[in-house]
């Protein structure tokens, strides 16, 4: 039976840059505050628009640039960006530039993208899940090529920018995709028991690899991360849903509910 290479446990903040948090300066301030309080990461949702009652939506890439300048240590990244609506060559330039701006602190979260928010078909984007999956796989391969020397300058991080792949539990195809990269972000995971099952499956898929691999889960503010860590989580992200307020994010940051 395979086992995953050991990775330290980290704590992050995970927010939607919507409505009150659609202000990139405010998001950058919150990221800086999280860094001051000892958190390890600050991650953003990536959407063009979102279903009601959400109205305001900020571009996460502009917000992450502000975060990169406002911080020095914490890891940043989108969770997740759908590659089917991104041009890989443009994303390669954006990610490499942001990796330089942050001093090598970017993690790229990718996935198929969520349905039901009206941000695919109305904008002429591919909506068929199988076609989006193919575009995701093709896009990841192109990104690796661009990062690997086809474009200059390359990212700061070597051998490349870490990639976390999202997937909705209990679908297995995203697990197989994630196992080829650097981490998995399971969405709608019922509990630690299912996470333990997922970790075992990923270990089997990655049998023989000694490269570190992240298991990323999200918890509500105040939840105990202990059972998730025991089940194999390496990142526990405190998440606030689609209408976060600055006050509740600050409260969670101050609580400093780090798992390590």
Protein backbone atom coordinates (compact mmCIF):
# COMPACT_ATOMS: atom_id res chain seq x y z
CA UNK A 1 0.00 0.00 0.00
CA UNK A 2 1.31 3.44 -0.89
CA UNK A 3 1.91 6.26 1.56
CA UNK A 4 2.14 9.99 0.99
CA UNK A 5 5.34 11.90 1.65
CA UNK A 6 5.18 13.84 4.88
CA UNK A 7 4.09 17.49 4.64
CA UNK A 8 3.77 19.84 7.60
CA UNK A 9 0.28 20.94 8.62
CA UNK A 10 -0.62 24.52 7.73
CA UNK A 11 -3.51 26.86 8.47
CA UNK A 12 -5.02 29.27 5.98
CA UNK A 13 -7.82 31.76 5.46
CA UNK A 14 -10.11 31.15 2.47
CA UNK A 15 -12.41 33.97 1.39
CA UNK A 16 -14.63 34.93 -1.51
CA UNK A 17 -13.69 38.46 -2.70
CA UNK A 18 -17.38 39.32 -2.92
CA UNK A 19 -19.56 42.22 -1.79
CA UNK A 20 -17.86 43.78 1.27
CA UNK A 21 -14.61 41.96 0.40
CA UNK A 22 -14.71 43.02 -3.25
CA UNK A 23 -12.30 45.78 -2.24
CA UNK A 24 -8.76 44.52 -3.04
CA UNK A 25 -7.22 46.93 -0.53
CA UNK A 26 -9.34 45.42 2.24
CA UNK A 27 -8.42 41.89 1.17
CA UNK A 28 -4.73 42.83 1.22
CA UNK A 29 -5.13 44.31 4.70
CA UNK A 30 -6.76 41.10 5.94
CA UNK A 31 -3.98 39.01 4.39
CA UNK A 32 -1.36 41.15 6.12
CA UNK A 33 -3.23 40.79 9.41
CA UNK A 34 -3.35 37.00 8.97
CA UNK A 35 0.40 36.97 8.39
CA UNK A 36 0.98 39.01 11.54
CA UNK A 37 -1.09 36.50 13.52
CA UNK A 38 0.99 33.59 12.27
CA UNK A 39 -1.29 32.08 9.64
CA UNK A 40 0.36 30.22 6.77
CA UNK A 41 -1.81 31.12 3.78
CA UNK A 42 -4.56 33.33 2.39
CA UNK A 43 -6.57 32.05 -0.59
CA UNK A 44 -9.33 33.52 -2.75
CA UNK A 45 -12.29 32.21 -4.72
CA UNK A 46 -12.02 32.82 -8.48
CA UNK A 47 -15.30 33.81 -10.17
CA UNK A 48 -16.54 36.17 -12.85
CA UNK A 49 -19.89 36.50 -11.13
CA UNK A 50 -21.86 34.60 -8.52
CA UNK A 51 -25.47 33.76 -7.86
CA UNK A 52 -27.79 35.97 -5.80
CA UNK A 53 -27.72 37.47 -3.29
CA UNK A 54 -24.06 38.11 -4.09
CA UNK A 55 -23.57 41.17 -6.29
CA UNK A 56 -20.07 42.57 -6.03
CA UNK A 57 -17.19 40.38 -7.30
CA UNK A 58 -13.52 41.38 -7.36
CA UNK A 59 -10.95 39.99 -9.74
CA UNK A 60 -8.89 37.62 -7.57
CA UNK A 61 -5.70 38.08 -9.59
CA UNK A 62 -5.62 41.82 -8.97
CA UNK A 63 -6.44 41.18 -5.31
CA UNK A 64 -3.66 38.58 -5.04
CA UNK A 65 -1.19 41.08 -6.47
CA UNK A 66 -2.18 43.49 -3.70
CA UNK A 67 -1.83 40.65 -1.18
CA UNK A 68 1.62 39.77 -2.50
CA UNK A 69 2.83 43.33 -1.97
CA UNK A 70 1.22 43.61 1.49
CA UNK A 71 2.77 40.38 2.82
CA UNK A 72 6.17 38.71 2.99
CA UNK A 73 5.67 35.13 4.19
CA UNK A 74 2.23 33.62 3.71
CA UNK A 75 1.30 31.51 0.71
CA UNK A 76 -1.35 32.90 -1.63
CA UNK A 77 -3.40 31.50 -4.47
CA UNK A 78 -6.76 31.06 -6.21
CA UNK A 79 -9.08 28.23 -5.17
CA UNK A 80 -9.89 27.47 -7.79
CA UNK A 81 -9.41 28.88 -11.27
CA UNK A 82 -11.18 26.98 -14.10
CA UNK A 83 -8.62 26.48 -16.85
CA UNK A 84 -11.38 25.94 -19.41
CA UNK A 85 -12.06 29.69 -19.36
CA UNK A 86 -8.42 30.71 -19.19
CA UNK A 87 -5.85 30.94 -21.98
CA UNK A 88 -2.89 28.86 -20.76
CA UNK A 89 -0.28 31.17 -22.29
CA UNK A 90 -1.82 34.21 -20.59
CA UNK A 91 -2.18 32.34 -17.30
CA UNK A 92 1.46 31.26 -17.55
CA UNK A 93 2.54 34.90 -17.76
CA UNK A 94 0.23 35.92 -14.91
CA UNK A 95 1.30 33.12 -12.58
CA UNK A 96 5.02 33.50 -13.25
CA UNK A 97 4.78 37.27 -12.71
CA UNK A 98 2.79 36.83 -9.50
CA UNK A 99 5.28 34.23 -8.30
CA UNK A 100 8.07 36.78 -8.77
CA UNK A 101 6.03 39.54 -7.13
CA UNK A 102 5.38 37.33 -4.09
CA UNK A 103 8.91 35.95 -3.88
CA UNK A 104 7.84 32.41 -4.73
CA UNK A 105 4.67 32.12 -2.61
CA UNK A 106 2.02 31.28 -5.21
CA UNK A 107 0.03 28.06 -5.28
CA UNK A 108 -2.26 27.56 -8.28
CA UNK A 109 -5.58 25.91 -7.49
CA UNK A 110 -7.39 24.58 -10.55
CA UNK A 111 -10.62 22.76 -11.37
CA UNK A 112 -13.48 22.43 -13.81
CA UNK A 113 -15.32 25.41 -12.38
CA UNK A 114 -18.71 25.43 -10.72
CA UNK A 115 -21.98 25.29 -12.61
CA UNK A 116 -25.08 27.27 -11.76
CA UNK A 117 -23.45 30.68 -11.36
CA UNK A 118 -24.10 31.85 -14.90
CA UNK A 119 -20.43 32.45 -15.69
CA UNK A 120 -19.89 29.91 -18.47
CA UNK A 121 -22.48 29.80 -21.27
CA UNK A 122 -23.53 33.48 -21.03
CA UNK A 123 -19.94 34.45 -21.78
CA UNK A 124 -19.40 31.91 -24.53
CA UNK A 125 -17.39 29.54 -22.33
CA UNK A 126 -17.43 25.76 -22.66
CA UNK A 127 -20.11 24.24 -20.44
CA UNK A 128 -19.86 20.50 -21.20
CA UNK A 129 -18.04 18.87 -18.23
CA UNK A 130 -16.10 16.39 -20.35
CA UNK A 131 -14.85 19.09 -22.67
CA UNK A 132 -13.94 21.28 -19.70
CA UNK A 133 -12.02 18.35 -18.20
CA UNK A 134 -10.03 17.94 -21.42
CA UNK A 135 -9.27 21.65 -21.52
CA UNK A 136 -8.15 21.44 -17.89
CA UNK A 137 -5.73 18.59 -18.56
CA UNK A 138 -4.42 20.18 -21.76
CA UNK A 139 -4.05 23.53 -20.02
CA UNK A 140 -2.04 22.05 -17.16
CA UNK A 141 0.36 20.40 -19.59
CA UNK A 142 0.81 23.66 -21.46
CA UNK A 143 1.41 25.56 -18.23
CA UNK A 144 4.11 23.09 -17.21
CA UNK A 145 5.81 23.63 -20.56
CA UNK A 146 5.66 27.40 -20.34
CA UNK A 147 6.93 27.37 -16.74
CA UNK A 148 9.62 24.85 -17.67
CA UNK A 149 11.50 27.12 -20.04
CA UNK A 150 9.28 27.95 -23.01
CA UNK A 151 8.65 31.37 -21.45
CA UNK A 152 11.16 33.66 -19.72
CA UNK A 153 11.47 34.43 -16.94
CA UNK A 154 10.44 31.15 -15.35
CA UNK A 155 8.69 31.15 -11.96
CA UNK A 156 10.76 31.61 -8.82
CA UNK A 157 9.69 28.22 -7.48
CA UNK A 158 11.32 25.06 -8.76
CA UNK A 159 10.64 22.71 -10.35
CA UNK A 160 7.46 24.79 -10.88
CA UNK A 161 4.58 26.54 -9.14
CA UNK A 162 2.67 24.01 -6.99
CA UNK A 163 -0.70 22.96 -8.42
CA UNK A 164 -3.65 21.86 -6.29
CA UNK A 165 -6.52 20.18 -8.14
CA UNK A 166 -10.10 20.46 -6.88
CA UNK A 167 -12.79 17.84 -7.24
CA UNK A 168 -16.19 17.09 -5.80
CA UNK A 169 -16.41 14.05 -3.58
CA UNK A 170 -17.01 11.17 -4.28
CA UNK A 171 -15.93 11.57 -7.94
CA UNK A 172 -12.70 9.66 -8.53
CA UNK A 173 -11.50 11.12 -11.82
CA UNK A 174 -10.38 14.38 -10.15
CA UNK A 175 -8.36 12.31 -7.69
CA UNK A 176 -6.48 10.67 -10.54
CA UNK A 177 -5.84 14.09 -12.03
CA UNK A 178 -4.70 15.56 -8.71
CA UNK A 179 -2.33 12.66 -8.06
CA UNK A 180 -0.25 13.80 -11.05
CA UNK A 181 0.31 17.21 -9.51
CA UNK A 182 0.97 18.60 -6.01
CA UNK A 183 -2.22 18.49 -3.99
CA UNK A 184 -5.95 17.83 -3.89
CA UNK A 185 -8.73 20.11 -2.69
CA UNK A 186 -11.81 17.92 -2.15
CA UNK A 187 -15.08 19.85 -2.23
CA UNK A 188 -18.24 18.77 -0.37
CA UNK A 189 -16.35 16.22 1.68
CA UNK A 190 -18.74 14.95 4.41
CA UNK A 191 -16.20 14.37 7.16
CA UNK A 192 -12.82 13.06 8.33
CA UNK A 193 -13.75 9.43 7.63
CA UNK A 194 -14.19 10.20 3.95
CA UNK A 195 -10.96 12.21 3.98
CA UNK A 196 -9.10 9.19 5.33
CA UNK A 197 -10.52 7.13 2.46
CA UNK A 198 -9.47 9.79 -0.04
CA UNK A 199 -5.94 9.98 1.38
CA UNK A 200 -5.56 6.23 1.03
CA UNK A 201 -6.70 6.34 -2.60
CA UNK A 202 -4.33 9.18 -3.47
CA UNK A 203 -1.47 7.32 -1.81
CA UNK A 204 -2.17 4.32 -4.02
CA UNK A 205 -2.28 6.51 -7.11
CA UNK A 206 1.03 8.14 -6.17
CA UNK A 207 2.75 4.93 -5.05
CA UNK A 208 6.45 5.26 -5.64
CA UNK A 209 6.53 9.07 -5.56
CA UNK A 210 8.49 10.69 -2.75
CA UNK A 211 7.40 14.23 -3.67
CA UNK A 212 5.40 16.08 -1.03
CA UNK A 213 1.66 16.17 -1.67
CA UNK A 214 -0.93 18.41 -0.01
CA UNK A 215 -4.39 17.41 1.21
CA UNK A 216 -6.40 20.62 1.51
CA UNK A 217 -9.68 20.87 3.41
CA UNK A 218 -11.90 23.73 4.51
CA UNK A 219 -13.53 24.17 7.90
CA UNK A 220 -15.88 26.73 9.39
CA UNK A 221 -14.57 29.35 11.83
CA UNK A 222 -14.17 27.80 15.26
CA UNK A 223 -14.26 24.18 14.05
CA UNK A 224 -11.72 21.77 15.49
CA UNK A 225 -9.21 20.85 12.79
CA UNK A 226 -7.83 17.95 14.85
CA UNK A 227 -9.95 15.13 13.35
CA UNK A 228 -9.14 16.35 9.84
CA UNK A 229 -5.44 16.44 10.60
CA UNK A 230 -5.64 12.92 12.04
CA UNK A 231 -7.28 11.83 8.77
CA UNK A 232 -4.40 13.25 6.72
CA UNK A 233 -5.07 16.94 6.01
CA UNK A 234 -1.95 19.04 5.42
CA UNK A 235 -3.77 22.35 4.96
CA UNK A 236 -6.84 23.40 6.98
CA UNK A 237 -8.50 26.47 5.49
CA UNK A 238 -10.97 28.49 7.53
CA UNK A 239 -13.76 29.30 5.08
CA UNK A 240 -16.55 31.87 5.24
CA UNK A 241 -18.97 31.12 2.39
CA UNK A 242 -20.08 33.43 -0.44
CA UNK A 243 -20.88 36.50 1.69
CA UNK A 244 -17.96 37.02 4.06
CA UNK A 245 -17.74 40.09 6.24
CA UNK A 246 -14.50 41.73 7.20
CA UNK A 247 -15.51 41.54 10.86
CA UNK A 248 -15.94 37.76 10.88
CA UNK A 249 -12.70 37.23 8.95
CA UNK A 250 -10.84 39.43 11.43
CA UNK A 251 -12.41 37.55 14.32
CA UNK A 252 -11.23 34.22 12.93
CA UNK A 253 -7.76 35.60 12.28
CA UNK A 254 -7.54 36.91 15.84
CA UNK A 255 -8.69 33.56 17.20
CA UNK A 256 -5.64 32.12 15.51
CA UNK A 257 -7.19 28.67 15.21
CA UNK A 258 -4.09 27.16 13.70
CA UNK A 259 -3.86 23.38 13.58
CA UNK A 260 -0.14 23.26 14.43
